[in-house]
Amino acid sequence: MSGDSDCTRTSPSAGSPSDNELLTDRPKYVCSLSPDLVTKAREELQEKPEWRLRDVQALRDMVCKDYPSLGTCLDDAFLLRFLRARKFDYDRALQLLVNYHTCRRTWPEVFNNLKPSAIKPVLESGFVTVLPHRDPQGRHVVCIRPDRWTPSNYPITENIRAIYLTLEKLIQSEETQVNGIVILADYKGVSLSKASHFGPFVAKKVIGILQDGFPIRIKAVNIINEPRIFKGIFAIIKPFLKEKIANRFFLHGCDLNSLHQNIPPVILPEEYGGTAGKLDISAWNELLLASEEDFLRDFSELVLPCDSSPHDLLVSGDAEEKQCDDSLRGMKPQLYYCY
């Protein structure tokens, strides 16, 4: 991901020969999708190969016109992530891109110094990993295990940083951009005290990133071994989930057969009744840590211009924010009631 955030120099509408020459410095996009995935992208995402670069340029022009100080990468491959995530709807793709930057600039505890080596303790704990095999629909399975986190060791924001970097690594693949991902969350051993760390502020931020602030398609969220307390958590956050996302949550309890209806045993580790051997976190950890330089280079381009404020990018109204805050304040009392 390399690009020039100066829109006045990158938009072809500028028209001067020197401007057009600068465009040739931008990495040339080469599609890596298989014929089957090209067809799937056309049918599910409205992506037409013959119009792909035209669509990318249209989004680039919109960024330059409406958000000239966004400070974003404008490479074809980068912008294509946002178009695919919003089925090539220009306006929605632009909003997603703005939200992506807004999230990064308004939560410094998560996004400052964000690199794999900084979250190595989280990776070593096994809190988050990616299973080695994709499911039959070609989707990676992200495995999250909150019981591996010890709150006294580091704050919950470190876990969120690890999940975010995992998603950033996965979305680099065009195959994942088209197929999406599946989440498997094992809530075994999650107590009330641990759940209380996931308070209103954190809940709202995480939901905002996953729903509207990151260019990835979450196709299913499988919850297993959830305690009674989780039903209280989910009942509170569900109103803030879009209906499409809420309908993709599956609560399996301790029923592995139910889980296997969504994720086949052949790709699951033994811990979840699968036949893919013991859960091994080392391969994913090594892959993520080996990407340190790539992340440093890519993230260095997503810098807030000195004449801009994060608040300039905020897109949700004060009334909506207040409603969300007021509704989420009821979380903790309901958690105690449920527990």
C-alpha atoms as a PDB file:
ATOM      1  CA  MET A   1       0.000   0.000   0.000  1.00  0.00           C
ATOM      2  CA  SER A   2       1.816   3.054  -1.152  1.00  0.00           C
ATOM      3  CA  GLY A   3       0.329   6.290  -2.379  1.00  0.00           C
ATOM      4  CA  ASP A   4       0.227  10.060  -2.321  1.00  0.00           C
ATOM      5  CA  SER A   5      -2.342  11.652  -0.058  1.00  0.00           C
ATOM      6  CA  ASP A   6      -2.143  14.991  -1.900  1.00  0.00           C
ATOM      7  CA  CYS A   7      -5.397  14.901  -3.839  1.00  0.00           C
ATOM      8  CA  THR A   8      -4.640  17.972  -5.867  1.00  0.00           C
ATOM      9  CA  ARG A   9      -1.835  16.087  -7.512  1.00  0.00           C
ATOM     10  CA  THR A  10      -3.409  12.677  -7.919  1.00  0.00           C
ATOM     11  CA  SER A  11      -6.784  13.410  -9.443  1.00  0.00           C
ATOM     12  CA  PRO A  12      -6.797  13.183 -13.252  1.00  0.00           C
ATOM     13  CA  SER A  13      -9.354  15.980 -13.330  1.00  0.00           C
ATOM     14  CA  ALA A  14      -6.489  18.381 -12.670  1.00  0.00           C
ATOM     15  CA  GLY A  15      -5.651  17.960 -16.343  1.00  0.00           C
ATOM     16  CA  SER A  16      -2.068  19.164 -16.624  1.00  0.00           C
ATOM     17  CA  PRO A  17       0.572  16.883 -18.228  1.00  0.00           C
ATOM     18  CA  SER A  18       2.619  16.878 -15.028  1.00  0.00           C
ATOM     19  CA  ASP A  19      -0.385  15.728 -13.005  1.00  0.00           C
ATOM     20  CA  ASN A  20      -1.079  12.881 -15.392  1.00  0.00           C
ATOM     21  CA  GLU A  21       2.551  11.831 -15.280  1.00  0.00           C
ATOM     22  CA  LEU A  22       2.348  11.569 -11.514  1.00  0.00           C
ATOM     23  CA  LEU A  23      -0.450   9.022 -11.864  1.00  0.00           C
ATOM     24  CA  THR A  24       1.956   6.609 -13.546  1.00  0.00           C
ATOM     25  CA  ASP A  25       3.930   6.425 -10.298  1.00  0.00           C
ATOM     26  CA  ARG A  26       0.989   4.767  -8.600  1.00  0.00           C
ATOM     27  CA  PRO A  27       1.286   0.951  -8.370  1.00  0.00           C
ATOM     28  CA  LYS A  28      -0.579  -0.693 -11.229  1.00  0.00           C
ATOM     29  CA  TYR A  29      -3.398  -2.913 -10.024  1.00  0.00           C
ATOM     30  CA  VAL A  30      -3.213  -6.551 -11.117  1.00  0.00           C
ATOM     31  CA  CYS A  31      -6.210  -8.719 -10.252  1.00  0.00           C
ATOM     32  CA  SER A  32      -5.318 -11.910  -8.366  1.00  0.00           C
ATOM     33  CA  LEU A  33      -8.833 -13.360  -8.259  1.00  0.00           C
ATOM     34  CA  SER A  34      -9.507 -16.756  -9.795  1.00  0.00           C
ATOM     35  CA  PRO A  35     -12.128 -16.967 -12.565  1.00  0.00           C
ATOM     36  CA  ASP A  36     -14.613 -18.383 -10.046  1.00  0.00           C
ATOM     37  CA  LEU A  37     -14.027 -15.494  -7.651  1.00  0.00           C
ATOM     38  CA  VAL A  38     -14.318 -12.970 -10.480  1.00  0.00           C
ATOM     39  CA  THR A  39     -17.736 -14.448 -11.178  1.00  0.00           C
ATOM     40  CA  LYS A  40     -18.652 -14.411  -7.480  1.00  0.00           C
ATOM     41  CA  ALA A  41     -17.576 -10.778  -7.159  1.00  0.00           C
ATOM     42  CA  ARG A  42     -19.693  -9.882 -10.160  1.00  0.00           C
ATOM     43  CA  GLU A  43     -22.781 -11.658  -8.796  1.00  0.00           C
ATOM     44  CA  GLU A  44     -22.494 -10.725  -5.106  1.00  0.00           C
ATOM     45  CA  LEU A  45     -20.592  -7.432  -5.108  1.00  0.00           C
ATOM     46  CA  GLN A  46     -21.656  -5.901  -8.428  1.00  0.00           C
ATOM     47  CA  GLU A  47     -17.990  -5.840  -9.443  1.00  0.00           C
ATOM     48  CA  LYS A  48     -17.513  -5.693 -13.198  1.00  0.00           C
ATOM     49  CA  PRO A  49     -13.886  -6.290 -14.264  1.00  0.00           C
ATOM     50  CA  GLU A  50     -14.302  -4.074 -17.297  1.00  0.00           C
ATOM     51  CA  TRP A  51     -15.421  -1.164 -15.068  1.00  0.00           C
ATOM     52  CA  ARG A  52     -13.248  -1.878 -12.035  1.00  0.00           C
ATOM     53  CA  LEU A  53     -10.590   0.798 -12.569  1.00  0.00           C
ATOM     54  CA  ARG A  54     -13.210   3.319 -13.628  1.00  0.00           C
ATOM     55  CA  ASP A  55     -15.009   2.717 -10.332  1.00  0.00           C
ATOM     56  CA  VAL A  56     -11.790   3.074  -8.355  1.00  0.00           C
ATOM     57  CA  GLN A  57     -11.049   6.359 -10.089  1.00  0.00           C
ATOM     58  CA  ALA A  58     -14.551   7.595  -9.333  1.00  0.00           C
ATOM     59  CA  LEU A  59     -14.015   6.918  -5.622  1.00  0.00           C
ATOM     60  CA  ARG A  60     -10.604   8.574  -5.774  1.00  0.00           C
ATOM     61  CA  ASP A  61     -12.124  11.679  -7.339  1.00  0.00           C
ATOM     62  CA  MET A  62     -14.800  11.803  -4.626  1.00  0.00           C
ATOM     63  CA  VAL A  63     -12.140  11.634  -1.903  1.00  0.00           C
ATOM     64  CA  CYS A  64     -10.177  14.427  -3.522  1.00  0.00           C
ATOM     65  CA  LYS A  65     -13.231  16.615  -3.939  1.00  0.00           C
ATOM     66  CA  ASP A  66     -15.035  16.036  -0.639  1.00  0.00           C
ATOM     67  CA  TYR A  67     -12.174  15.140   1.742  1.00  0.00           C
ATOM     68  CA  PRO A  68      -8.963  16.632   0.340  1.00  0.00           C
ATOM     69  CA  SER A  69      -7.312  16.517   3.788  1.00  0.00           C
ATOM     70  CA  LEU A  70      -8.259  12.950   4.595  1.00  0.00           C
ATOM     71  CA  GLY A  71      -4.637  11.809   4.397  1.00  0.00           C
ATOM     72  CA  THR A  72      -5.518   8.424   2.927  1.00  0.00           C
ATOM     73  CA  CYS A  73      -3.754   6.081   0.566  1.00  0.00           C
ATOM     74  CA  LEU A  74      -5.230   6.398  -2.921  1.00  0.00           C
ATOM     75  CA  ASP A  75      -3.805   3.292  -4.559  1.00  0.00           C
ATOM     76  CA  ASP A  76      -6.179   1.230  -6.673  1.00  0.00           C
ATOM     77  CA  ALA A  77      -5.803  -1.881  -4.508  1.00  0.00           C
ATOM     78  CA  PHE A  78      -6.468   0.021  -1.282  1.00  0.00           C
ATOM     79  CA  LEU A  79      -9.564   1.839  -2.520  1.00  0.00           C
ATOM     80  CA  LEU A  80     -10.875  -1.378  -4.054  1.00  0.00           C
ATOM     81  CA  ARG A  81     -11.234  -2.860  -0.563  1.00  0.00           C
ATOM     82  CA  PHE A  82     -13.813  -0.227   0.306  1.00  0.00           C
ATOM     83  CA  LEU A  83     -15.725  -0.584  -2.950  1.00  0.00           C
ATOM     84  CA  ARG A  84     -15.993  -4.343  -2.497  1.00  0.00           C
ATOM     85  CA  ALA A  85     -17.083  -3.998   1.112  1.00  0.00           C
ATOM     86  CA  ARG A  86     -19.962  -1.772  -0.016  1.00  0.00           C
ATOM     87  CA  LYS A  87     -20.843  -3.567  -3.257  1.00  0.00           C
ATOM     88  CA  PHE A  88     -19.453  -0.790  -5.447  1.00  0.00           C
ATOM     89  CA  ASP A  89     -21.822   1.838  -4.119  1.00  0.00           C
ATOM     90  CA  TYR A  90     -19.641   4.938  -4.422  1.00  0.00           C
ATOM     91  CA  ASP A  91     -21.298   6.938  -1.648  1.00  0.00           C
ATOM     92  CA  ARG A  92     -21.289   4.080   0.846  1.00  0.00           C
ATOM     93  CA  ALA A  93     -17.688   3.196  -0.015  1.00  0.00           C
ATOM     94  CA  LEU A  94     -16.636   6.806   0.574  1.00  0.00           C
ATOM     95  CA  GLN A  95     -18.454   6.870   3.914  1.00  0.00           C
ATOM     96  CA  LEU A  96     -16.725   3.643   4.937  1.00  0.00           C
ATOM     97  CA  LEU A  97     -13.333   5.104   4.038  1.00  0.00           C
ATOM     98  CA  VAL A  98     -14.019   8.232   6.090  1.00  0.00           C
ATOM     99  CA  ASN A  99     -15.246   6.118   9.004  1.00  0.00           C
ATOM    100  CA  TYR A 100     -12.112   3.978   8.761  1.00  0.00           C
ATOM    101  CA  HIS A 101      -9.945   7.034   9.315  1.00  0.00           C
ATOM    102  CA  THR A 102     -12.259   8.517  11.933  1.00  0.00           C
ATOM    103  CA  CYS A 103     -12.026   5.349  14.028  1.00  0.00           C
ATOM    104  CA  ARG A 104      -8.248   5.332  13.793  1.00  0.00           C
ATOM    105  CA  ARG A 105      -7.902   8.988  14.775  1.00  0.00           C
ATOM    106  CA  THR A 106     -10.346   9.114  17.653  1.00  0.00           C
ATOM    107  CA  TRP A 107      -9.153   6.119  19.680  1.00  0.00           C
ATOM    108  CA  PRO A 108      -5.434   6.675  20.348  1.00  0.00           C
ATOM    109  CA  GLU A 109      -5.257   3.947  23.001  1.00  0.00           C
ATOM    110  CA  VAL A 110      -5.826   1.427  20.234  1.00  0.00           C
ATOM    111  CA  PHE A 111      -4.204   2.994  17.194  1.00  0.00           C
ATOM    112  CA  ASN A 112      -1.084   4.713  18.497  1.00  0.00           C
ATOM    113  CA  ASN A 113       2.065   2.640  17.922  1.00  0.00           C
ATOM    114  CA  LEU A 114      -0.036  -0.065  16.285  1.00  0.00           C
ATOM    115  CA  LYS A 115       2.295  -2.825  15.097  1.00  0.00           C
ATOM    116  CA  PRO A 116       2.593  -6.588  15.630  1.00  0.00           C
ATOM    117  CA  SER A 117       5.586  -6.437  18.001  1.00  0.00           C
ATOM    118  CA  ALA A 118       3.628  -4.103  20.296  1.00  0.00           C
ATOM    119  CA  ILE A 119       0.906  -6.712  20.844  1.00  0.00           C
ATOM    120  CA  LYS A 120       3.180  -9.752  21.065  1.00  0.00           C
ATOM    121  CA  PRO A 121       1.965 -10.676  24.595  1.00  0.00           C
ATOM    122  CA  VAL A 122      -1.615 -10.871  23.285  1.00  0.00           C
ATOM    123  CA  LEU A 123      -0.566 -13.076  20.380  1.00  0.00           C
ATOM    124  CA  GLU A 124       1.417 -15.362  22.680  1.00  0.00           C
ATOM    125  CA  SER A 125      -1.577 -15.722  25.006  1.00  0.00           C
ATOM    126  CA  GLY A 126      -3.662 -17.176  22.174  1.00  0.00           C
ATOM    127  CA  PHE A 127      -6.427 -14.603  22.609  1.00  0.00           C
ATOM    128  CA  VAL A 128      -6.829 -14.301  18.845  1.00  0.00           C
ATOM    129  CA  THR A 129      -5.618 -16.458  15.987  1.00  0.00           C
ATOM    130  CA  VAL A 130      -6.668 -17.573  12.526  1.00  0.00           C
ATOM    131  CA  LEU A 131      -7.321 -21.227  11.765  1.00  0.00           C
ATOM    132  CA  PRO A 132      -4.953 -22.613   9.104  1.00  0.00           C
ATOM    133  CA  HIS A 133      -7.696 -23.790   6.749  1.00  0.00           C
ATOM    134  CA  ARG A 134     -10.511 -21.845   5.081  1.00  0.00           C
ATOM    135  CA  ASP A 135     -14.090 -23.068   5.214  1.00  0.00           C
ATOM    136  CA  PRO A 136     -15.886 -24.493   2.147  1.00  0.00           C
ATOM    137  CA  GLN A 137     -16.916 -20.964   1.119  1.00  0.00           C
ATOM    138  CA  GLY A 138     -13.279 -19.862   1.058  1.00  0.00           C
ATOM    139  CA  ARG A 139     -13.523 -17.828   4.265  1.00  0.00           C
ATOM    140  CA  HIS A 140     -10.838 -17.572   6.934  1.00  0.00           C
ATOM    141  CA  VAL A 141     -11.976 -18.391  10.472  1.00  0.00           C
ATOM    142  CA  VAL A 142     -10.830 -15.940  13.151  1.00  0.00           C
ATOM    143  CA  CYS A 143     -10.757 -17.645  16.557  1.00  0.00           C
ATOM    144  CA  ILE A 144     -11.139 -15.429  19.636  1.00  0.00           C
ATOM    145  CA  ARG A 145     -10.735 -16.843  23.161  1.00  0.00           C
ATOM    146  CA  PRO A 146     -11.388 -14.241  25.884  1.00  0.00           C
ATOM    147  CA  ASP A 147     -10.501 -16.737  28.608  1.00  0.00           C
ATOM    148  CA  ARG A 148      -6.849 -16.463  27.504  1.00  0.00           C
ATOM    149  CA  TRP A 149      -6.766 -12.839  28.670  1.00  0.00           C
ATOM    150  CA  THR A 150      -5.657 -11.922  32.185  1.00  0.00           C
ATOM    151  CA  PRO A 151      -6.889  -8.347  32.867  1.00  0.00           C
ATOM    152  CA  SER A 152      -4.073  -7.652  35.344  1.00  0.00           C
ATOM    153  CA  ASN A 153      -1.498  -8.189  32.583  1.00  0.00           C
ATOM    154  CA  TYR A 154      -2.711  -5.539  30.139  1.00  0.00           C
ATOM    155  CA  PRO A 155      -5.893  -3.556  29.349  1.00  0.00           C
ATOM    156  CA  ILE A 156      -8.665  -4.766  27.070  1.00  0.00           C
ATOM    157  CA  THR A 157      -7.555  -2.300  24.391  1.00  0.00           C
ATOM    158  CA  GLU A 158      -4.513  -4.516  23.738  1.00  0.00           C
ATOM    159  CA  ASN A 159      -6.878  -7.325  22.719  1.00  0.00           C
ATOM    160  CA  ILE A 160      -8.687  -4.957  20.367  1.00  0.00           C
ATOM    161  CA  ARG A 161      -5.358  -3.930  18.833  1.00  0.00           C
ATOM    162  CA  ALA A 162      -4.530  -7.581  18.172  1.00  0.00           C
ATOM    163  CA  ILE A 163      -7.914  -8.216  16.536  1.00  0.00           C
ATOM    164  CA  TYR A 164      -7.554  -5.094  14.401  1.00  0.00           C
ATOM    165  CA  LEU A 165      -4.105  -6.077  13.129  1.00  0.00           C
ATOM    166  CA  THR A 166      -5.432  -9.543  12.370  1.00  0.00           C
ATOM    167  CA  LEU A 167      -8.202  -8.048  10.251  1.00  0.00           C
ATOM    168  CA  GLU A 168      -5.750  -5.716   8.516  1.00  0.00           C
ATOM    169  CA  LYS A 169      -3.580  -8.671   7.569  1.00  0.00           C
ATOM    170  CA  LEU A 170      -6.506 -10.754   6.334  1.00  0.00           C
ATOM    171  CA  ILE A 171      -8.013  -7.983   4.203  1.00  0.00           C
ATOM    172  CA  GLN A 172      -4.809  -7.690   2.189  1.00  0.00           C
ATOM    173  CA  SER A 173      -6.001 -10.808   0.356  1.00  0.00           C
ATOM    174  CA  GLU A 174      -8.387 -10.170  -2.529  1.00  0.00           C
ATOM    175  CA  GLU A 175      -9.880 -13.589  -1.877  1.00  0.00           C
ATOM    176  CA  THR A 176     -10.863 -12.466   1.616  1.00  0.00           C
ATOM    177  CA  GLN A 177     -12.225  -9.171   0.279  1.00  0.00           C
ATOM    178  CA  VAL A 178     -14.668 -11.167  -1.834  1.00  0.00           C
ATOM    179  CA  ASN A 179     -15.415 -14.141   0.428  1.00  0.00           C
ATOM    180  CA  GLY A 180     -15.380 -12.388   3.803  1.00  0.00           C
ATOM    181  CA  ILE A 181     -14.498 -13.999   7.133  1.00  0.00           C
ATOM    182  CA  VAL A 182     -16.115 -16.067   9.859  1.00  0.00           C
ATOM    183  CA  ILE A 183     -15.583 -15.444  13.573  1.00  0.00           C
ATOM    184  CA  LEU A 184     -15.467 -18.223  16.166  1.00  0.00           C
ATOM    185  CA  ALA A 185     -15.588 -16.840  19.722  1.00  0.00           C
ATOM    186  CA  ASP A 186     -15.118 -19.225  22.655  1.00  0.00           C
ATOM    187  CA  TYR A 187     -16.466 -17.642  25.847  1.00  0.00           C
ATOM    188  CA  LYS A 188     -15.559 -20.525  28.130  1.00  0.00           C
ATOM    189  CA  GLY A 189     -14.574 -19.274  31.570  1.00  0.00           C
ATOM    190  CA  VAL A 190     -15.586 -15.640  31.021  1.00  0.00           C
ATOM    191  CA  SER A 191     -16.631 -14.261  34.391  1.00  0.00           C
ATOM    192  CA  LEU A 192     -18.616 -11.194  35.364  1.00  0.00           C
ATOM    193  CA  SER A 193     -15.470  -9.346  36.428  1.00  0.00           C
ATOM    194  CA  LYS A 194     -13.838  -9.976  33.055  1.00  0.00           C
ATOM    195  CA  ALA A 195     -16.978  -9.072  31.127  1.00  0.00           C
ATOM    196  CA  SER A 196     -17.240  -5.776  32.991  1.00  0.00           C
ATOM    197  CA  HIS A 197     -14.140  -4.536  31.164  1.00  0.00           C
ATOM    198  CA  PHE A 198     -16.233  -4.494  27.996  1.00  0.00           C
ATOM    199  CA  GLY A 199     -18.066  -1.354  29.072  1.00  0.00           C
ATOM    200  CA  PRO A 200     -20.244   1.113  27.138  1.00  0.00           C
ATOM    201  CA  PHE A 201     -17.374   3.078  25.604  1.00  0.00           C
ATOM    202  CA  VAL A 202     -15.507  -0.008  24.410  1.00  0.00           C
ATOM    203  CA  ALA A 203     -18.686  -1.693  23.183  1.00  0.00           C
ATOM    204  CA  LYS A 204     -19.718   1.305  21.096  1.00  0.00           C
ATOM    205  CA  LYS A 205     -16.249   1.710  19.607  1.00  0.00           C
ATOM    206  CA  VAL A 206     -15.831  -1.946  18.680  1.00  0.00           C
ATOM    207  CA  ILE A 207     -19.287  -2.172  17.125  1.00  0.00           C
ATOM    208  CA  GLY A 208     -18.599   1.003  15.165  1.00  0.00           C
ATOM    209  CA  ILE A 209     -15.345  -0.383  13.762  1.00  0.00           C
ATOM    210  CA  LEU A 210     -16.662  -3.811  12.825  1.00  0.00           C
ATOM    211  CA  GLN A 211     -19.911  -2.548  11.285  1.00  0.00           C
ATOM    212  CA  ASP A 212     -19.037   0.755   9.697  1.00  0.00           C
ATOM    213  CA  GLY A 213     -15.321   1.400  10.062  1.00  0.00           C
ATOM    214  CA  PHE A 214     -13.462  -1.463   8.420  1.00  0.00           C
ATOM    215  CA  PRO A 215     -13.642  -2.860   4.864  1.00  0.00           C
ATOM    216  CA  ILE A 216     -14.277  -6.497   5.662  1.00  0.00           C
ATOM    217  CA  ARG A 217     -17.334  -8.696   5.215  1.00  0.00           C
ATOM    218  CA  ILE A 218     -18.208 -10.571   8.410  1.00  0.00           C
ATOM    219  CA  LYS A 219     -20.339 -13.458   7.187  1.00  0.00           C
ATOM    220  CA  ALA A 220     -20.957 -15.241  10.500  1.00  0.00           C
ATOM    221  CA  VAL A 221     -20.172 -14.925  14.210  1.00  0.00           C
ATOM    222  CA  ASN A 222     -20.262 -18.266  16.001  1.00  0.00           C
ATOM    223  CA  ILE A 223     -20.361 -18.057  19.802  1.00  0.00           C
ATOM    224  CA  ILE A 224     -19.566 -21.219  21.758  1.00  0.00           C
ATOM    225  CA  ASN A 225     -19.426 -22.044  25.473  1.00  0.00           C
ATOM    226  CA  GLU A 226     -21.093 -18.758  26.292  1.00  0.00           C
ATOM    227  CA  PRO A 227     -22.098 -18.360  29.968  1.00  0.00           C
ATOM    228  CA  ARG A 228     -25.473 -16.961  30.980  1.00  0.00           C
ATOM    229  CA  ILE A 229     -23.900 -13.548  31.262  1.00  0.00           C
ATOM    230  CA  PHE A 230     -23.319 -13.413  27.506  1.00  0.00           C
ATOM    231  CA  LYS A 231     -27.039 -13.370  26.811  1.00  0.00           C
ATOM    232  CA  GLY A 232     -27.238 -10.176  28.834  1.00  0.00           C
ATOM    233  CA  ILE A 233     -24.353  -8.648  26.902  1.00  0.00           C
ATOM    234  CA  PHE A 234     -25.823  -9.595  23.551  1.00  0.00           C
ATOM    235  CA  ALA A 235     -29.291  -8.321  24.457  1.00  0.00           C
ATOM    236  CA  ILE A 236     -27.780  -4.917  25.145  1.00  0.00           C
ATOM    237  CA  ILE A 237     -25.548  -4.621  22.086  1.00  0.00           C
ATOM    238  CA  LYS A 238     -28.048  -6.119  19.642  1.00  0.00           C
ATOM    239  CA  PRO A 239     -30.038  -2.873  19.197  1.00  0.00           C
ATOM    240  CA  PHE A 240     -26.870  -1.251  17.873  1.00  0.00           C
ATOM    241  CA  LEU A 241     -26.194  -4.011  15.379  1.00  0.00           C
ATOM    242  CA  LYS A 242     -27.571  -3.746  11.903  1.00  0.00           C
ATOM    243  CA  GLU A 243     -30.220  -6.381  11.300  1.00  0.00           C
ATOM    244  CA  LYS A 244     -28.085  -8.150   8.722  1.00  0.00           C
ATOM    245  CA  ILE A 245     -25.178  -8.464  11.166  1.00  0.00           C
ATOM    246  CA  ALA A 246     -27.384  -9.419  14.122  1.00  0.00           C
ATOM    247  CA  ASN A 247     -28.861 -12.260  12.084  1.00  0.00           C
ATOM    248  CA  ARG A 248     -25.377 -13.630  11.506  1.00  0.00           C
ATOM    249  CA  PHE A 249     -24.789 -14.315  15.211  1.00  0.00           C
ATOM    250  CA  PHE A 250     -25.154 -17.971  16.188  1.00  0.00           C
ATOM    251  CA  LEU A 251     -25.117 -18.980  19.862  1.00  0.00           C
ATOM    252  CA  HIS A 252     -24.225 -22.651  20.173  1.00  0.00           C
ATOM    253  CA  GLY A 253     -23.702 -23.047  23.913  1.00  0.00           C
ATOM    254  CA  CYS A 254     -21.788 -26.265  24.521  1.00  0.00           C
ATOM    255  CA  ASP A 255     -23.351 -28.006  21.519  1.00  0.00           C
ATOM    256  CA  LEU A 256     -20.495 -28.903  19.165  1.00  0.00           C
ATOM    257  CA  ASN A 257     -22.903 -30.511  16.725  1.00  0.00           C
ATOM    258  CA  SER A 258     -24.601 -27.142  16.359  1.00  0.00           C
ATOM    259  CA  LEU A 259     -21.232 -25.502  15.732  1.00  0.00           C
ATOM    260  CA  HIS A 260     -20.372 -28.124  13.112  1.00  0.00           C
ATOM    261  CA  GLN A 261     -23.451 -27.179  11.119  1.00  0.00           C
ATOM    262  CA  ASN A 262     -21.810 -23.788  10.543  1.00  0.00           C
ATOM    263  CA  ILE A 263     -18.123 -24.711  10.535  1.00  0.00           C
ATOM    264  CA  PRO A 264     -17.204 -28.219   9.302  1.00  0.00           C
ATOM    265  CA  PRO A 265     -15.142 -30.404  11.686  1.00  0.00           C
ATOM    266  CA  VAL A 266     -12.513 -30.970   8.993  1.00  0.00           C
ATOM    267  CA  ILE A 267     -11.146 -27.421   9.474  1.00  0.00           C
ATOM    268  CA  LEU A 268     -11.711 -27.205  13.238  1.00  0.00           C
ATOM    269  CA  PRO A 269      -9.098 -28.130  15.862  1.00  0.00           C
ATOM    270  CA  GLU A 270      -9.651 -30.968  18.301  1.00  0.00           C
ATOM    271  CA  GLU A 271     -10.652 -28.491  21.010  1.00  0.00           C
ATOM    272  CA  TYR A 272     -13.885 -27.882  19.083  1.00  0.00           C
ATOM    273  CA  GLY A 273     -14.591 -31.434  18.031  1.00  0.00           C
ATOM    274  CA  GLY A 274     -12.658 -31.097  14.792  1.00  0.00           C
ATOM    275  CA  THR A 275     -10.195 -33.311  12.964  1.00  0.00           C
ATOM    276  CA  ALA A 276      -7.548 -30.701  12.112  1.00  0.00           C
ATOM    277  CA  GLY A 277      -5.284 -31.496  15.064  1.00  0.00           C
ATOM    278  CA  LYS A 278      -4.547 -29.390  18.121  1.00  0.00           C
ATOM    279  CA  LEU A 279      -5.103 -25.665  17.895  1.00  0.00           C
ATOM    280  CA  ASP A 280      -1.770 -24.162  16.857  1.00  0.00           C
ATOM    281  CA  ILE A 281      -1.326 -20.403  17.245  1.00  0.00           C
ATOM    282  CA  SER A 282       2.340 -20.278  16.245  1.00  0.00           C
ATOM    283  CA  ALA A 283       1.876 -20.154  12.451  1.00  0.00           C
ATOM    284  CA  TRP A 284      -0.423 -17.127  12.540  1.00  0.00           C
ATOM    285  CA  ASN A 285       1.711 -15.355  15.142  1.00  0.00           C
ATOM    286  CA  GLU A 286       4.808 -15.821  13.002  1.00  0.00           C
ATOM    287  CA  LEU A 287       3.026 -14.552   9.901  1.00  0.00           C
ATOM    288  CA  LEU A 288       1.750 -11.441  11.668  1.00  0.00           C
ATOM    289  CA  LEU A 289       5.059 -10.647  13.344  1.00  0.00           C
ATOM    290  CA  ALA A 290       6.881 -11.098  10.035  1.00  0.00           C
ATOM    291  CA  SER A 291       4.645  -8.381   8.570  1.00  0.00           C
ATOM    292  CA  GLU A 292       5.970  -5.680  10.895  1.00  0.00           C
ATOM    293  CA  GLU A 293       7.731  -3.659   8.195  1.00  0.00           C
ATOM    294  CA  ASP A 294       4.720  -3.872   5.889  1.00  0.00           C
ATOM    295  CA  PHE A 295       2.444  -2.504   8.603  1.00  0.00           C
ATOM    296  CA  LEU A 296       4.851   0.292   9.465  1.00  0.00           C
ATOM    297  CA  ARG A 297       5.038   1.322   5.812  1.00  0.00           C
ATOM    298  CA  ASP A 298       1.310   1.073   5.197  1.00  0.00           C
ATOM    299  CA  PHE A 299       0.235   2.847   8.383  1.00  0.00           C
ATOM    300  CA  SER A 300       2.767   5.625   7.840  1.00  0.00           C
ATOM    301  CA  GLU A 301       0.632   6.764   4.908  1.00  0.00           C
ATOM    302  CA  LEU A 302      -2.498   7.078   7.036  1.00  0.00           C
ATOM    303  CA  VAL A 303      -1.326  10.218   8.805  1.00  0.00           C
ATOM    304  CA  LEU A 304      -3.636  13.032   9.868  1.00  0.00           C
ATOM    305  CA  PRO A 305      -2.579  16.230   8.077  1.00  0.00           C
ATOM    306  CA  CYS A 306      -1.296  18.938  10.406  1.00  0.00           C
ATOM    307  CA  ASP A 307      -4.122  21.310   9.474  1.00  0.00           C
ATOM    308  CA  SER A 308      -6.891  18.844  10.255  1.00  0.00           C
ATOM    309  CA  SER A 309      -8.624  17.690  13.379  1.00  0.00           C
ATOM    310  CA  PRO A 310     -10.061  14.199  13.964  1.00  0.00           C
ATOM    311  CA  HIS A 311     -13.363  15.896  14.724  1.00  0.00           C
ATOM    312  CA  ASP A 312     -13.481  17.232  11.155  1.00  0.00           C
ATOM    313  CA  LEU A 313     -14.106  13.671   9.994  1.00  0.00           C
ATOM    314  CA  LEU A 314     -16.819  12.695  12.464  1.00  0.00           C
ATOM    315  CA  VAL A 315     -19.948  11.613  10.640  1.00  0.00           C
ATOM    316  CA  SER A 316     -22.444  10.665  13.344  1.00  0.00           C
ATOM    317  CA  GLY A 317     -24.595  13.340  14.913  1.00  0.00           C
ATOM    318  CA  ASP A 318     -24.565  14.328  18.544  1.00  0.00           C
ATOM    319  CA  ALA A 319     -28.104  13.033  19.016  1.00  0.00           C
ATOM    320  CA  GLU A 320     -27.177   9.578  17.742  1.00  0.00           C
ATOM    321  CA  GLU A 321     -24.082   9.482  19.957  1.00  0.00           C
ATOM    322  CA  LYS A 322     -26.121  10.507  23.006  1.00  0.00           C
ATOM    323  CA  GLN A 323     -28.757   7.871  22.300  1.00  0.00           C
ATOM    324  CA  CYS A 324     -26.103   5.189  22.044  1.00  0.00           C
ATOM    325  CA  ASP A 325     -24.428   6.317  25.259  1.00  0.00           C
ATOM    326  CA  ASP A 326     -27.698   6.457  27.175  1.00  0.00           C
ATOM    327  CA  SER A 327     -28.771   3.018  26.011  1.00  0.00           C
ATOM    328  CA  LEU A 328     -25.437   1.407  26.798  1.00  0.00           C
ATOM    329  CA  ARG A 329     -25.334   2.825  30.304  1.00  0.00           C
ATOM    330  CA  GLY A 330     -27.739   0.105  31.289  1.00  0.00           C
ATOM    331  CA  MET A 331     -25.237  -2.590  30.452  1.00  0.00           C
ATOM    332  CA  LYS A 332     -23.596  -3.108  33.820  1.00  0.00           C
ATOM    333  CA  PRO A 333     -26.778  -3.382  35.933  1.00  0.00           C
ATOM    334  CA  GLN A 334     -28.207  -5.860  33.433  1.00  0.00           C
ATOM    335  CA  LEU A 335     -24.981  -7.866  33.490  1.00  0.00           C
ATOM    336  CA  TYR A 336     -25.271  -8.266  37.250  1.00  0.00           C
ATOM    337  CA  TYR A 337     -28.937  -9.210  36.900  1.00  0.00           C
ATOM    338  CA  CYS A 338     -28.143 -11.802  34.244  1.00  0.00           C
ATOM    339  CA  TYR A 339     -25.232 -13.190  36.183  1.00  0.00           C
END
